[in-house]
């Protein structure tokens, strides 16, 4: 995603990761609670969601970006997307090893892969849409602040 680590690209890169995490978190809240806004703060206070989206997803994204940093820009998606899929399914590998394949693990892995794809799409778009840069940074901070406010509303 980052072709050169010049100082002017770092805030945009960080904002793209924040917006990817924030959008994924908001989609999870929408899927689990629908438009029942009174339940949103309860979902936002679950620490494992913060760890999954702002921790794990961001770390996997940084690792994928590091591993694919020297690939040709036109071919990056061919390398990045399967690595994101692997990152999305990786947490469920333990359950596959311990209990074998079952419906729950396969469904959870598919949700992980869809979430990883959404994270990749949003963060990649936020980074490469150069004319949206200041606005994508504001949106990433606003999303994160909104989620933090939800925590304090509980």
Protein backbone atom coordinates (compact mmCIF):
# COMPACT_ATOMS: atom_id res chain seq x y z
CA UNK A 1 0.00 0.00 0.00
CA UNK A 2 2.79 2.41 0.82
CA UNK A 3 5.28 2.76 -2.00
CA UNK A 4 7.61 5.09 -0.16
CA UNK A 5 7.78 5.99 3.49
CA UNK A 6 7.99 9.71 3.07
CA UNK A 7 6.72 11.72 6.00
CA UNK A 8 3.72 13.02 4.08
CA UNK A 9 2.40 9.48 3.44
CA UNK A 10 2.48 8.22 7.03
CA UNK A 11 -0.61 10.11 8.30
CA UNK A 12 -2.59 9.02 5.25
CA UNK A 13 -1.44 5.41 5.71
CA UNK A 14 -2.35 5.43 9.42
CA UNK A 15 -5.73 7.00 8.67
CA UNK A 16 -6.46 4.31 6.09
CA UNK A 17 -5.84 1.62 8.70
CA UNK A 18 -8.02 3.42 11.27
CA UNK A 19 -10.87 3.83 8.81
CA UNK A 20 -10.64 0.17 7.82
CA UNK A 21 -10.91 -0.88 11.46
CA UNK A 22 -13.68 1.60 12.23
CA UNK A 23 -15.85 0.65 9.27
CA UNK A 24 -15.42 -3.05 10.04
CA UNK A 25 -16.41 -2.42 13.66
CA UNK A 26 -19.47 -0.38 12.65
CA UNK A 27 -20.56 -3.08 10.20
CA UNK A 28 -20.26 -5.65 12.99
CA UNK A 29 -22.39 -3.48 15.27
CA UNK A 30 -24.98 -3.09 12.51
CA UNK A 31 -25.06 -6.83 11.80
CA UNK A 32 -25.32 -7.85 15.45
CA UNK A 33 -27.78 -5.15 16.60
CA UNK A 34 -29.44 -3.80 13.51
CA UNK A 35 -30.90 -0.36 14.00
CA UNK A 36 -31.55 -0.90 17.71
CA UNK A 37 -29.40 2.04 18.73
CA UNK A 38 -29.90 1.40 22.43
CA UNK A 39 -27.84 -1.83 22.07
CA UNK A 40 -24.94 -0.22 20.21
CA UNK A 41 -23.07 0.97 23.35
CA UNK A 42 -23.22 -2.54 24.82
CA UNK A 43 -21.57 -3.98 21.71
CA UNK A 44 -18.98 -1.20 21.62
CA UNK A 45 -17.84 -2.02 25.18
CA UNK A 46 -16.79 -5.57 24.30
CA UNK A 47 -13.00 -5.52 24.50
CA UNK A 48 -12.46 -8.43 22.14
CA UNK A 49 -13.99 -6.41 19.28
CA UNK A 50 -11.47 -3.64 19.94
CA UNK A 51 -8.68 -6.20 20.01
CA UNK A 52 -9.89 -7.91 16.82
CA UNK A 53 -10.47 -4.79 14.73
CA UNK A 54 -7.99 -2.25 16.00
CA UNK A 55 -5.35 -4.76 17.04
CA UNK A 56 -5.40 -7.99 15.07
CA UNK A 57 -6.76 -6.61 11.78
CA UNK A 58 -4.30 -3.72 11.79
CA UNK A 59 -1.34 -5.97 12.61
CA UNK A 60 -2.29 -8.45 9.87
CA UNK A 61 -2.66 -5.54 7.45
CA UNK A 62 0.77 -4.16 8.36
CA UNK A 63 2.32 -7.62 7.92
CA UNK A 64 0.67 -8.06 4.51
CA UNK A 65 1.82 -4.60 3.43
CA UNK A 66 5.35 -5.41 4.56
CA UNK A 67 5.40 -8.76 2.76
CA UNK A 68 4.09 -7.28 -0.50
CA UNK A 69 5.98 -4.00 -0.45
CA UNK A 70 8.31 -4.94 -3.31
CA UNK A 71 5.68 -6.33 -5.68
CA UNK A 72 4.68 -4.54 -8.84
CA UNK A 73 1.78 -2.13 -8.06
CA UNK A 74 -0.45 -3.65 -10.75
CA UNK A 75 0.00 -7.15 -9.26
CA UNK A 76 -0.34 -6.25 -5.57
CA UNK A 77 -3.97 -7.33 -5.30
CA UNK A 78 -3.01 -10.81 -6.56
CA UNK A 79 -0.68 -11.15 -3.58
CA UNK A 80 -2.47 -9.10 -0.95
CA UNK A 81 -5.99 -10.47 -1.19
CA UNK A 82 -5.07 -14.13 -0.52
CA UNK A 83 -2.92 -13.01 2.42
CA UNK A 84 -5.86 -11.01 3.79
CA UNK A 85 -8.07 -14.10 3.33
CA UNK A 86 -5.54 -16.15 5.28
CA UNK A 87 -5.42 -13.48 7.98
CA UNK A 88 -9.21 -13.53 8.23
CA UNK A 89 -9.36 -17.31 8.59
CA UNK A 90 -6.23 -17.70 10.73
CA UNK A 91 -7.90 -17.26 14.15
CA UNK A 92 -10.16 -20.21 13.41
CA UNK A 93 -7.30 -22.52 12.42
CA UNK A 94 -6.88 -23.50 16.07
CA UNK A 95 -10.49 -24.65 16.23
CA UNK A 96 -10.09 -26.61 13.01
CA UNK A 97 -7.02 -28.36 14.42
CA UNK A 98 -8.67 -29.13 17.77
CA UNK A 99 -12.19 -30.09 16.70
CA UNK A 100 -11.91 -30.73 12.98
CA UNK A 101 -14.09 -29.18 10.36
CA UNK A 102 -17.59 -28.40 11.50
CA UNK A 103 -20.25 -25.99 10.38
CA UNK A 104 -19.54 -23.32 12.97
CA UNK A 105 -15.81 -23.14 12.25
CA UNK A 106 -16.37 -22.99 8.50
CA UNK A 107 -19.01 -20.27 8.86
CA UNK A 108 -16.82 -18.29 11.27
CA UNK A 109 -13.88 -18.59 8.88
CA UNK A 110 -16.03 -17.28 6.05
CA UNK A 111 -17.08 -14.30 8.19
CA UNK A 112 -13.40 -13.70 8.94
CA UNK A 113 -12.56 -13.78 5.24
CA UNK A 114 -15.42 -11.39 4.40
CA UNK A 115 -14.30 -9.06 7.21
CA UNK A 116 -10.71 -9.14 5.99
CA UNK A 117 -11.88 -8.36 2.45
CA UNK A 118 -13.95 -5.43 3.70
CA UNK A 119 -10.99 -4.13 5.73
CA UNK A 120 -8.71 -4.40 2.70
CA UNK A 121 -11.20 -2.70 0.39
CA UNK A 122 -11.94 0.21 2.70
CA UNK A 123 -8.36 0.85 3.79
CA UNK A 124 -7.02 0.47 0.26
CA UNK A 125 -9.60 2.89 -1.12
CA UNK A 126 -8.99 5.35 1.70
CA UNK A 127 -5.27 5.33 1.00
CA UNK A 128 -5.36 5.51 -2.79
CA UNK A 129 -8.11 8.12 -3.12
CA UNK A 130 -5.61 10.98 -3.06
CA UNK A 131 -8.23 13.72 -3.47
CA UNK A 132 -10.10 12.40 -0.44
CA UNK A 133 -7.03 12.47 1.82
CA UNK A 134 -7.88 15.13 4.35
CA UNK A 135 -11.48 13.95 4.50
CA UNK A 136 -10.57 10.29 4.91
CA UNK A 137 -8.34 11.27 7.83
CA UNK A 138 -11.16 13.22 9.43
CA UNK A 139 -13.57 10.32 8.83
CA UNK A 140 -11.16 7.81 10.37
CA UNK A 141 -10.79 9.92 13.50
CA UNK A 142 -14.53 10.59 13.65
CA UNK A 143 -15.31 6.88 13.40
CA UNK A 144 -12.86 6.03 16.16
CA UNK A 145 -14.14 8.84 18.39
CA UNK A 146 -17.74 7.73 17.74
CA UNK A 147 -16.90 4.20 18.88
CA UNK A 148 -15.16 5.53 21.99
CA UNK A 149 -18.19 7.71 22.80
CA UNK A 150 -20.40 4.62 22.47
CA UNK A 151 -18.27 2.93 25.13
CA UNK A 152 -18.92 5.78 27.56
CA UNK A 153 -22.66 5.78 26.85
CA UNK A 154 -23.11 2.37 28.45
